[in-house]
Amino acid sequence: MKRLLLAALIMLVPTAVLADAGPDGTAIFKSKCAICHGADGKGQTPTGRSLKVRDLSSKEVQNQSDAELQKIIADGKGTMPSFKSALDQASIDALIVFIRSLKK
């Protein structure tokens, strides 16, 4: 009985840990941003080139504060749409972490 209980607890722990891991910034980027910014964030997609989107790995973007990036993601900017109705704060934060990972 003790072994069965222990086995059950061991199987539940990874699920609980994963549940607390928060949103996946990479997955959010792929589903919401990559169509324009490209999988690498450089903006070299047909849509990205036509809209002249910024290279997210560039110094210009990377030098922006997290608050500035959060505002752009939430409110939109230029031709970029607002995502405040599509993404909660935790998702936006995860997306910013992903954008920071693109640094050159």
PDB file of N, CA and C in Angstrom:
ATOM      1  N   MET A   1       0.820  -1.188   0.000  1.00  0.00           N
ATOM      2  CA  MET A   1       0.000   0.000   0.000  1.00  0.00           C
ATOM      3  C   MET A   1       0.870   1.262   0.000  1.00  0.00           C
ATOM      4  N   LYS A   2       1.938   1.255   0.817  1.00  0.00           N
ATOM      5  CA  LYS A   2       2.823   2.407   0.876  1.00  0.00           C
ATOM      6  C   LYS A   2       3.501   2.651  -0.468  1.00  0.00           C
ATOM      7  N   ARG A   3       3.899   1.566  -1.140  1.00  0.00           N
ATOM      8  CA  ARG A   3       4.548   1.701  -2.444  1.00  0.00           C
ATOM      9  C   ARG A   3       3.590   2.282  -3.481  1.00  0.00           C
ATOM     10  N   LEU A   4       2.355   1.855  -3.439  1.00  0.00           N
ATOM     11  CA  LEU A   4       1.354   2.355  -4.367  1.00  0.00           C
ATOM     12  C   LEU A   4       1.124   3.852  -4.141  1.00  0.00           C
ATOM     13  N   LEU A   5       1.036   4.247  -2.895  1.00  0.00           N
ATOM     14  CA  LEU A   5       0.858   5.658  -2.553  1.00  0.00           C
ATOM     15  C   LEU A   5       2.075   6.470  -2.994  1.00  0.00           C
ATOM     16  N   LEU A   6       3.261   5.960  -2.736  1.00  0.00           N
ATOM     17  CA  LEU A   6       4.484   6.631  -3.142  1.00  0.00           C
ATOM     18  C   LEU A   6       4.558   6.769  -4.664  1.00  0.00           C
ATOM     19  N   ALA A   7       4.215   5.714  -5.376  1.00  0.00           N
ATOM     20  CA  ALA A   7       4.219   5.761  -6.846  1.00  0.00           C
ATOM     21  C   ALA A   7       3.227   6.801  -7.351  1.00  0.00           C
ATOM     22  N   ALA A   8       2.067   6.862  -6.743  1.00  0.00           N
ATOM     23  CA  ALA A   8       1.060   7.841  -7.140  1.00  0.00           C
ATOM     24  C   ALA A   8       1.559   9.261  -6.905  1.00  0.00           C
ATOM     25  N   LEU A   9       2.204   9.504  -5.788  1.00  0.00           N
ATOM     26  CA  LEU A   9       2.738  10.826  -5.484  1.00  0.00           C
ATOM     27  C   LEU A   9       3.844  11.221  -6.452  1.00  0.00           C
ATOM     28  N   ILE A  10       4.700  10.265  -6.781  1.00  0.00           N
ATOM     29  CA  ILE A  10       5.792  10.538  -7.726  1.00  0.00           C
ATOM     30  C   ILE A  10       5.232  10.930  -9.082  1.00  0.00           C
ATOM     31  N   MET A  11       4.162  10.284  -9.500  1.00  0.00           N
ATOM     32  CA  MET A  11       3.567  10.599 -10.802  1.00  0.00           C
ATOM     33  C   MET A  11       2.862  11.954 -10.766  1.00  0.00           C
ATOM     34  N   LEU A  12       2.364  12.395  -9.644  1.00  0.00           N
ATOM     35  CA  LEU A  12       1.656  13.664  -9.547  1.00  0.00           C
ATOM     36  C   LEU A  12       2.593  14.860  -9.456  1.00  0.00           C
ATOM     37  N   VAL A  13       3.752  14.694  -8.874  1.00  0.00           N
ATOM     38  CA  VAL A  13       4.665  15.814  -8.666  1.00  0.00           C
ATOM     39  C   VAL A  13       5.063  16.484  -9.979  1.00  0.00           C
ATOM     40  N   PRO A  14       5.508  15.753 -11.006  1.00  0.00           N
ATOM     41  CA  PRO A  14       5.865  16.444 -12.253  1.00  0.00           C
ATOM     42  C   PRO A  14       4.691  17.207 -12.855  1.00  0.00           C
ATOM     43  N   THR A  15       3.500  16.676 -12.758  1.00  0.00           N
ATOM     44  CA  THR A  15       2.330  17.362 -13.294  1.00  0.00           C
ATOM     45  C   THR A  15       2.103  18.658 -12.542  1.00  0.00           C
ATOM     46  N   ALA A  16       2.220  18.640 -11.246  1.00  0.00           N
ATOM     47  CA  ALA A  16       2.033  19.847 -10.446  1.00  0.00           C
ATOM     48  C   ALA A  16       3.117  20.872 -10.766  1.00  0.00           C
ATOM     49  N   VAL A  17       4.345  20.425 -10.936  1.00  0.00           N
ATOM     50  CA  VAL A  17       5.436  21.335 -11.258  1.00  0.00           C
ATOM     51  C   VAL A  17       5.214  21.956 -12.629  1.00  0.00           C
ATOM     52  N   LEU A  18       4.812  21.156 -13.597  1.00  0.00           N
ATOM     53  CA  LEU A  18       4.553  21.680 -14.943  1.00  0.00           C
ATOM     54  C   LEU A  18       3.388  22.644 -14.948  1.00  0.00           C
ATOM     55  N   ALA A  19       2.383  22.387 -14.162  1.00  0.00           N
ATOM     56  CA  ALA A  19       1.216  23.260 -14.112  1.00  0.00           C
ATOM     57  C   ALA A  19       1.609  24.649 -13.616  1.00  0.00           C
ATOM     58  N   ASP A  20       2.625  24.742 -12.764  1.00  0.00           N
ATOM     59  CA  ASP A  20       3.070  26.014 -12.226  1.00  0.00           C
ATOM     60  C   ASP A  20       4.127  26.680 -13.094  1.00  0.00           C
ATOM     61  N   ALA A  21       4.535  26.027 -14.167  1.00  0.00           N
ATOM     62  CA  ALA A  21       5.603  26.544 -15.011  1.00  0.00           C
ATOM     63  C   ALA A  21       5.198  27.821 -15.744  1.00  0.00           C
ATOM     64  N   GLY A  22       3.927  28.075 -15.903  1.00  0.00           N
ATOM     65  CA  GLY A  22       3.458  29.275 -16.579  1.00  0.00           C
ATOM     66  C   GLY A  22       3.392  29.089 -18.075  1.00  0.00           C
ATOM     67  N   PRO A  23       3.002  30.148 -18.768  1.00  0.00           N
ATOM     68  CA  PRO A  23       2.852  30.084 -20.224  1.00  0.00           C
ATOM     69  C   PRO A  23       4.191  29.852 -20.933  1.00  0.00           C
ATOM     70  N   ASP A  24       4.116  29.262 -22.101  1.00  0.00           N
ATOM     71  CA  ASP A  24       5.288  28.960 -22.923  1.00  0.00           C
ATOM     72  C   ASP A  24       5.478  30.089 -23.941  1.00  0.00           C
ATOM     73  N   GLY A  25       6.455  30.949 -23.681  1.00  0.00           N
ATOM     74  CA  GLY A  25       6.710  32.089 -24.551  1.00  0.00           C
ATOM     75  C   GLY A  25       7.039  31.696 -25.980  1.00  0.00           C
ATOM     76  N   THR A  26       7.759  30.597 -26.151  1.00  0.00           N
ATOM     77  CA  THR A  26       8.104  30.122 -27.498  1.00  0.00           C
ATOM     78  C   THR A  26       6.846  29.740 -28.263  1.00  0.00           C
ATOM     79  N   ALA A  27       5.958  29.011 -27.625  1.00  0.00           N
ATOM     80  CA  ALA A  27       4.713  28.593 -28.274  1.00  0.00           C
ATOM     81  C   ALA A  27       3.831  29.798 -28.589  1.00  0.00           C
ATOM     82  N   ILE A  28       3.773  30.748 -27.680  1.00  0.00           N
ATOM     83  CA  ILE A  28       2.977  31.958 -27.919  1.00  0.00           C
ATOM     84  C   ILE A  28       3.546  32.714 -29.109  1.00  0.00           C
ATOM     85  N   PHE A  29       4.861  32.855 -29.152  1.00  0.00           N
ATOM     86  CA  PHE A  29       5.505  33.558 -30.259  1.00  0.00           C
ATOM     87  C   PHE A  29       5.186  32.871 -31.583  1.00  0.00           C
ATOM     88  N   LYS A  30       5.303  31.552 -31.608  1.00  0.00           N
ATOM     89  CA  LYS A  30       5.023  30.812 -32.838  1.00  0.00           C
ATOM     90  C   LYS A  30       3.586  31.000 -33.297  1.00  0.00           C
ATOM     91  N   SER A  31       2.653  31.026 -32.360  1.00  0.00           N
ATOM     92  CA  SER A  31       1.242  31.108 -32.741  1.00  0.00           C
ATOM     93  C   SER A  31       0.767  32.530 -33.015  1.00  0.00           C
ATOM     94  N   LYS A  32       1.358  33.525 -32.372  1.00  0.00           N
ATOM     95  CA  LYS A  32       0.854  34.899 -32.493  1.00  0.00           C
ATOM     96  C   LYS A  32       1.769  35.847 -33.268  1.00  0.00           C
ATOM     97  N   CYS A  33       3.055  35.589 -33.287  1.00  0.00           N
ATOM     98  CA  CYS A  33       4.010  36.579 -33.775  1.00  0.00           C
ATOM     99  C   CYS A  33       4.800  36.155 -35.019  1.00  0.00           C
ATOM    100  N   ALA A  34       5.046  34.862 -35.146  1.00  0.00           N
ATOM    101  CA  ALA A  34       5.959  34.375 -36.187  1.00  0.00           C
ATOM    102  C   ALA A  34       5.470  34.651 -37.601  1.00  0.00           C
ATOM    103  N   ILE A  35       4.180  34.792 -37.795  1.00  0.00           N
ATOM    104  CA  ILE A  35       3.684  35.055 -39.146  1.00  0.00           C
ATOM    105  C   ILE A  35       4.289  36.336 -39.718  1.00  0.00           C
ATOM    106  N   CYS A  36       4.510  37.326 -38.874  1.00  0.00           N
ATOM    107  CA  CYS A  36       5.135  38.568 -39.321  1.00  0.00           C
ATOM    108  C   CYS A  36       6.624  38.614 -38.981  1.00  0.00           C
ATOM    109  N   HIS A  37       6.955  38.261 -37.742  1.00  0.00           N
ATOM    110  CA  HIS A  37       8.329  38.400 -37.271  1.00  0.00           C
ATOM    111  C   HIS A  37       9.220  37.222 -37.642  1.00  0.00           C
ATOM    112  N   GLY A  38       8.647  36.111 -38.108  1.00  0.00           N
ATOM    113  CA  GLY A  38       9.425  34.932 -38.464  1.00  0.00           C
ATOM    114  C   GLY A  38       9.808  34.142 -37.224  1.00  0.00           C
ATOM    115  N   ALA A  39      10.106  32.880 -37.398  1.00  0.00           N
ATOM    116  CA  ALA A  39      10.461  32.002 -36.280  1.00  0.00           C
ATOM    117  C   ALA A  39      11.696  32.495 -35.539  1.00  0.00           C
ATOM    118  N   ASP A  40      12.597  33.183 -36.252  1.00  0.00           N
ATOM    119  CA  ASP A  40      13.828  33.686 -35.631  1.00  0.00           C
ATOM    120  C   ASP A  40      13.700  35.131 -35.153  1.00  0.00           C
ATOM    121  N   GLY A  41      12.528  35.750 -35.374  1.00  0.00           N
ATOM    122  CA  GLY A  41      12.285  37.115 -34.924  1.00  0.00           C
ATOM    123  C   GLY A  41      12.874  38.201 -35.794  1.00  0.00           C
ATOM    124  N   LYS A  42      13.477  37.837 -36.914  1.00  0.00           N
ATOM    125  CA  LYS A  42      14.168  38.814 -37.752  1.00  0.00           C
ATOM    126  C   LYS A  42      13.245  39.570 -38.711  1.00  0.00           C
ATOM    127  N   GLY A  43      11.994  39.123 -38.833  1.00  0.00           N
ATOM    128  CA  GLY A  43      11.039  39.831 -39.671  1.00  0.00           C
ATOM    129  C   GLY A  43      11.185  39.568 -41.153  1.00  0.00           C
ATOM    130  N   GLN A  44      11.918  38.543 -41.524  1.00  0.00           N
ATOM    131  CA  GLN A  44      12.172  38.250 -42.930  1.00  0.00           C
ATOM    132  C   GLN A  44      11.137  37.285 -43.525  1.00  0.00           C
ATOM    133  N   THR A  45       9.882  37.521 -43.213  1.00  0.00           N
ATOM    134  CA  THR A  45       8.790  36.777 -43.828  1.00  0.00           C
ATOM    135  C   THR A  45       8.175  37.694 -44.885  1.00  0.00           C
ATOM    136  N   PRO A  46       7.397  37.168 -45.824  1.00  0.00           N
ATOM    137  CA  PRO A  46       6.750  38.056 -46.793  1.00  0.00           C
ATOM    138  C   PRO A  46       5.928  39.158 -46.101  1.00  0.00           C
ATOM    139  N   THR A  47       5.178  38.784 -45.086  1.00  0.00           N
ATOM    140  CA  THR A  47       4.373  39.768 -44.363  1.00  0.00           C
ATOM    141  C   THR A  47       5.269  40.739 -43.605  1.00  0.00           C
ATOM    142  N   GLY A  48       6.276  40.218 -42.949  1.00  0.00           N
ATOM    143  CA  GLY A  48       7.188  41.058 -42.190  1.00  0.00           C
ATOM    144  C   GLY A  48       7.921  42.070 -43.053  1.00  0.00           C
ATOM    145  N   ARG A  49       8.372  41.623 -44.218  1.00  0.00           N
ATOM    146  CA  ARG A  49       9.063  42.547 -45.131  1.00  0.00           C
ATOM    147  C   ARG A  49       8.113  43.618 -45.642  1.00  0.00           C
ATOM    148  N   SER A  50       6.880  43.230 -45.989  1.00  0.00           N
ATOM    149  CA  SER A  50       5.938  44.217 -46.524  1.00  0.00           C
ATOM    150  C   SER A  50       5.522  45.237 -45.456  1.00  0.00           C
ATOM    151  N   LEU A  51       5.472  44.801 -44.192  1.00  0.00           N
ATOM    152  CA  LEU A  51       5.108  45.711 -43.105  1.00  0.00           C
ATOM    153  C   LEU A  51       6.320  46.405 -42.478  1.00  0.00           C
ATOM    154  N   LYS A  52       7.522  46.019 -42.937  1.00  0.00           N
ATOM    155  CA  LYS A  52       8.780  46.570 -42.421  1.00  0.00           C
ATOM    156  C   LYS A  52       8.863  46.432 -40.899  1.00  0.00           C
ATOM    157  N   VAL A  53       8.597  45.203 -40.424  1.00  0.00           N
ATOM    158  CA  VAL A  53       8.663  44.957 -38.988  1.00  0.00           C
ATOM    159  C   VAL A  53      10.120  44.972 -38.530  1.00  0.00           C
ATOM    160  N   ARG A  54      10.302  45.269 -37.280  1.00  0.00           N
ATOM    161  CA  ARG A  54      11.648  45.325 -36.719  1.00  0.00           C
ATOM    162  C   ARG A  54      12.192  43.932 -36.453  1.00  0.00           C
ATOM    163  N   ASP A  55      13.507  43.845 -36.551  1.00  0.00           N
ATOM    164  CA  ASP A  55      14.226  42.630 -36.177  1.00  0.00           C
ATOM    165  C   ASP A  55      14.250  42.603 -34.654  1.00  0.00           C
ATOM    166  N   LEU A  56      13.578  41.623 -34.059  1.00  0.00           N
ATOM    167  CA  LEU A  56      13.467  41.558 -32.599  1.00  0.00           C
ATOM    168  C   LEU A  56      14.791  41.252 -31.914  1.00  0.00           C
ATOM    169  N   SER A  57      15.777  40.791 -32.677  1.00  0.00           N
ATOM    170  CA  SER A  57      17.094  40.534 -32.088  1.00  0.00           C
ATOM    171  C   SER A  57      17.984  41.772 -32.151  1.00  0.00           C
ATOM    172  N   SER A  58      17.507  42.826 -32.809  1.00  0.00           N
ATOM    173  CA  SER A  58      18.311  44.033 -32.994  1.00  0.00           C
ATOM    174  C   SER A  58      18.553  44.760 -31.674  1.00  0.00           C
ATOM    175  N   LYS A  59      19.603  45.538 -31.671  1.00  0.00           N
ATOM    176  CA  LYS A  59      19.950  46.339 -30.497  1.00  0.00           C
ATOM    177  C   LYS A  59      18.811  47.304 -30.163  1.00  0.00           C
ATOM    178  N   GLU A  60      18.199  47.867 -31.188  1.00  0.00           N
ATOM    179  CA  GLU A  60      17.100  48.825 -31.005  1.00  0.00           C
ATOM    180  C   GLU A  60      15.958  48.214 -30.182  1.00  0.00           C
ATOM    181  N   VAL A  61      15.571  46.998 -30.528  1.00  0.00           N
ATOM    182  CA  VAL A  61      14.480  46.332 -29.804  1.00  0.00           C
ATOM    183  C   VAL A  61      14.973  45.836 -28.454  1.00  0.00           C
ATOM    184  N   GLN A  62      16.127  45.217 -28.421  1.00  0.00           N
ATOM    185  CA  GLN A  62      16.649  44.647 -27.184  1.00  0.00           C
ATOM    186  C   GLN A  62      16.947  45.720 -26.127  1.00  0.00           C
ATOM    187  N   ASN A  63      17.202  46.960 -26.554  1.00  0.00           N
ATOM    188  CA  ASN A  63      17.455  48.043 -25.602  1.00  0.00           C
ATOM    189  C   ASN A  63      16.175  48.609 -24.995  1.00  0.00           C
ATOM    190  N   GLN A  64      15.028  48.221 -25.535  1.00  0.00           N
ATOM    191  CA  GLN A  64      13.773  48.680 -24.951  1.00  0.00           C
ATOM    192  C   GLN A  64      13.566  47.979 -23.611  1.00  0.00           C
ATOM    193  N   SER A  65      12.939  48.683 -22.697  1.00  0.00           N
ATOM    194  CA  SER A  65      12.661  48.098 -21.384  1.00  0.00           C
ATOM    195  C   SER A  65      11.545  47.065 -21.506  1.00  0.00           C
ATOM    196  N   ASP A  66      11.431  46.221 -20.503  1.00  0.00           N
ATOM    197  CA  ASP A  66      10.327  45.260 -20.476  1.00  0.00           C
ATOM    198  C   ASP A  66       8.991  45.989 -20.499  1.00  0.00           C
ATOM    199  N   ALA A  67       8.908  47.122 -19.809  1.00  0.00           N
ATOM    200  CA  ALA A  67       7.660  47.899 -19.787  1.00  0.00           C
ATOM    201  C   ALA A  67       7.310  48.411 -21.179  1.00  0.00           C
ATOM    202  N   GLU A  68       8.314  48.852 -21.925  1.00  0.00           N
ATOM    203  CA  GLU A  68       8.069  49.327 -23.294  1.00  0.00           C
ATOM    204  C   GLU A  68       7.586  48.180 -24.187  1.00  0.00           C
ATOM    205  N   LEU A  69       8.243  47.031 -24.085  1.00  0.00           N
ATOM    206  CA  LEU A  69       7.828  45.876 -24.880  1.00  0.00           C
ATOM    207  C   LEU A  69       6.418  45.429 -24.489  1.00  0.00           C
ATOM    208  N   GLN A  70       6.130  45.448 -23.195  1.00  0.00           N
ATOM    209  CA  GLN A  70       4.802  45.057 -22.721  1.00  0.00           C
ATOM    210  C   GLN A  70       3.737  45.968 -23.310  1.00  0.00           C
ATOM    211  N   LYS A  71       4.006  47.260 -23.341  1.00  0.00           N
ATOM    212  CA  LYS A  71       3.049  48.229 -23.892  1.00  0.00           C
ATOM    213  C   LYS A  71       2.824  47.986 -25.382  1.00  0.00           C
ATOM    214  N   ILE A  72       3.882  47.732 -26.111  1.00  0.00           N
ATOM    215  CA  ILE A  72       3.761  47.478 -27.550  1.00  0.00           C
ATOM    216  C   ILE A  72       2.950  46.210 -27.801  1.00  0.00           C
ATOM    217  N   ILE A  73       3.246  45.151 -27.056  1.00  0.00           N
ATOM    218  CA  ILE A  73       2.509  43.895 -27.229  1.00  0.00           C
ATOM    219  C   ILE A  73       1.043  44.075 -26.854  1.00  0.00           C
ATOM    220  N   ALA A  74       0.798  44.727 -25.745  1.00  0.00           N
ATOM    221  CA  ALA A  74      -0.578  44.887 -25.264  1.00  0.00           C
ATOM    222  C   ALA A  74      -1.388  45.845 -26.132  1.00  0.00           C
ATOM    223  N   ASP A  75      -0.798  46.994 -26.461  1.00  0.00           N
ATOM    224  CA  ASP A  75      -1.553  48.041 -27.154  1.00  0.00           C
ATOM    225  C   ASP A  75      -1.369  48.064 -28.661  1.00  0.00           C
ATOM    226  N   GLY A  76      -0.335  47.378 -29.149  1.00  0.00           N
ATOM    227  CA  GLY A  76      -0.019  47.444 -30.571  1.00  0.00           C
ATOM    228  C   GLY A  76       0.793  48.694 -30.858  1.00  0.00           C
ATOM    229  N   LYS A  77       1.318  48.758 -32.076  1.00  0.00           N
ATOM    230  CA  LYS A  77       2.092  49.925 -32.481  1.00  0.00           C
ATOM    231  C   LYS A  77       2.183  49.919 -33.996  1.00  0.00           C
ATOM    232  N   GLY A  78       1.851  51.024 -34.619  1.00  0.00           N
ATOM    233  CA  GLY A  78       1.866  51.085 -36.077  1.00  0.00           C
ATOM    234  C   GLY A  78       0.908  50.054 -36.656  1.00  0.00           C
ATOM    235  N   THR A  79       1.447  49.166 -37.478  1.00  0.00           N
ATOM    236  CA  THR A  79       0.605  48.129 -38.092  1.00  0.00           C
ATOM    237  C   THR A  79       0.448  46.891 -37.215  1.00  0.00           C
ATOM    238  N   MET A  80       1.186  46.855 -36.090  1.00  0.00           N
ATOM    239  CA  MET A  80       1.068  45.704 -35.197  1.00  0.00           C
ATOM    240  C   MET A  80      -0.217  45.823 -34.376  1.00  0.00           C
ATOM    241  N   PRO A  81      -1.012  44.756 -34.373  1.00  0.00           N
ATOM    242  CA  PRO A  81      -2.262  44.815 -33.613  1.00  0.00           C
ATOM    243  C   PRO A  81      -2.044  44.685 -32.109  1.00  0.00           C
ATOM    244  N   SER A  82      -3.048  45.059 -31.371  1.00  0.00           N
ATOM    245  CA  SER A  82      -3.058  44.903 -29.917  1.00  0.00           C
ATOM    246  C   SER A  82      -3.313  43.442 -29.569  1.00  0.00           C
ATOM    247  N   PHE A  83      -2.630  42.969 -28.542  1.00  0.00           N
ATOM    248  CA  PHE A  83      -2.837  41.597 -28.072  1.00  0.00           C
ATOM    249  C   PHE A  83      -3.385  41.551 -26.646  1.00  0.00           C
ATOM    250  N   LYS A  84      -3.810  42.708 -26.107  1.00  0.00           N
ATOM    251  CA  LYS A  84      -4.269  42.719 -24.719  1.00  0.00           C
ATOM    252  C   LYS A  84      -5.525  41.898 -24.502  1.00  0.00           C
ATOM    253  N   SER A  85      -6.335  41.704 -25.536  1.00  0.00           N
ATOM    254  CA  SER A  85      -7.529  40.860 -25.365  1.00  0.00           C
ATOM    255  C   SER A  85      -7.223  39.390 -25.632  1.00  0.00           C
ATOM    256  N   ALA A  86      -6.069  39.105 -26.242  1.00  0.00           N
ATOM    257  CA  ALA A  86      -5.715  37.726 -26.577  1.00  0.00           C
ATOM    258  C   ALA A  86      -4.723  37.106 -25.595  1.00  0.00           C
ATOM    259  N   LEU A  87      -3.957  37.955 -24.893  1.00  0.00           N
ATOM    260  CA  LEU A  87      -2.902  37.460 -24.003  1.00  0.00           C
ATOM    261  C   LEU A  87      -3.057  38.057 -22.608  1.00  0.00           C
ATOM    262  N   ASP A  88      -2.958  37.217 -21.589  1.00  0.00           N
ATOM    263  CA  ASP A  88      -2.962  37.732 -20.226  1.00  0.00           C
ATOM    264  C   ASP A  88      -1.548  38.198 -19.870  1.00  0.00           C
ATOM    265  N   GLN A  89      -1.400  38.811 -18.705  1.00  0.00           N
ATOM    266  CA  GLN A  89      -0.107  39.375 -18.314  1.00  0.00           C
ATOM    267  C   GLN A  89       0.997  38.318 -18.252  1.00  0.00           C
ATOM    268  N   ALA A  90       0.670  37.139 -17.741  1.00  0.00           N
ATOM    269  CA  ALA A  90       1.676  36.076 -17.655  1.00  0.00           C
ATOM    270  C   ALA A  90       2.150  35.657 -19.048  1.00  0.00           C
ATOM    271  N   SER A  91       1.252  35.635 -20.016  1.00  0.00           N
ATOM    272  CA  SER A  91       1.620  35.286 -21.389  1.00  0.00           C
ATOM    273  C   SER A  91       2.486  36.365 -22.017  1.00  0.00           C
ATOM    274  N   ILE A  92       2.149  37.623 -21.755  1.00  0.00           N
ATOM    275  CA  ILE A  92       2.969  38.732 -22.267  1.00  0.00           C
ATOM    276  C   ILE A  92       4.363  38.680 -21.646  1.00  0.00           C
ATOM    277  N   ASP A  93       4.435  38.415 -20.350  1.00  0.00           N
ATOM    278  CA  ASP A  93       5.735  38.298 -19.677  1.00  0.00           C
ATOM    279  C   ASP A  93       6.560  37.161 -20.282  1.00  0.00           C
ATOM    280  N   ALA A  94       5.923  36.030 -20.563  1.00  0.00           N
ATOM    281  CA  ALA A  94       6.618  34.890 -21.176  1.00  0.00           C
ATOM    282  C   ALA A  94       7.103  35.249 -22.575  1.00  0.00           C
ATOM    283  N   LEU A  95       6.314  36.011 -23.289  1.00  0.00           N
ATOM    284  CA  LEU A  95       6.685  36.448 -24.634  1.00  0.00           C
ATOM    285  C   LEU A  95       7.899  37.378 -24.578  1.00  0.00           C
ATOM    286  N   ILE A  96       7.934  38.257 -23.594  1.00  0.00           N
ATOM    287  CA  ILE A  96       9.080  39.155 -23.439  1.00  0.00           C
ATOM    288  C   ILE A  96      10.344  38.352 -23.128  1.00  0.00           C
ATOM    289  N   VAL A  97      10.232  37.336 -22.295  1.00  0.00           N
ATOM    290  CA  VAL A  97      11.387  36.473 -22.008  1.00  0.00           C
ATOM    291  C   VAL A  97      11.877  35.827 -23.306  1.00  0.00           C
ATOM    292  N   PHE A  98      10.938  35.367 -24.142  1.00  0.00           N
ATOM    293  CA  PHE A  98      11.331  34.772 -25.424  1.00  0.00           C
ATOM    294  C   PHE A  98      12.026  35.815 -26.301  1.00  0.00           C
ATOM    295  N   ILE A  99      11.467  37.011 -26.395  1.00  0.00           N
ATOM    296  CA  ILE A  99      12.073  38.067 -27.218  1.00  0.00           C
ATOM    297  C   ILE A  99      13.487  38.371 -26.731  1.00  0.00           C
ATOM    298  N   ARG A 100      13.688  38.389 -25.437  1.00  0.00           N
ATOM    299  CA  ARG A 100      15.039  38.618 -24.885  1.00  0.00           C
ATOM    300  C   ARG A 100      16.008  37.499 -25.299  1.00  0.00           C
ATOM    301  N   SER A 101      15.482  36.293 -25.490  1.00  0.00           N
ATOM    302  CA  SER A 101      16.352  35.169 -25.893  1.00  0.00           C
ATOM    303  C   SER A 101      16.847  35.303 -27.330  1.00  0.00           C
ATOM    304  N   LEU A 102      16.276  36.219 -28.088  1.00  0.00           N
ATOM    305  CA  LEU A 102      16.666  36.426 -29.490  1.00  0.00           C
ATOM    306  C   LEU A 102      17.852  37.380 -29.636  1.00  0.00           C
ATOM    307  N   LYS A 103      18.309  37.932 -28.520  1.00  0.00           N
ATOM    308  CA  LYS A 103      19.397  38.907 -28.543  1.00  0.00           C
ATOM    309  C   LYS A 103      20.587  38.388 -29.344  1.00  0.00           C
ATOM    310  N   LYS A 104      21.142  39.243 -30.196  1.00  0.00           N
ATOM    311  CA  LYS A 104      22.282  38.869 -31.051  1.00  0.00           C
ATOM    312  C   LYS A 104      23.509  38.590 -30.230  1.00  0.00           C
TER     313      LYS A 104
END
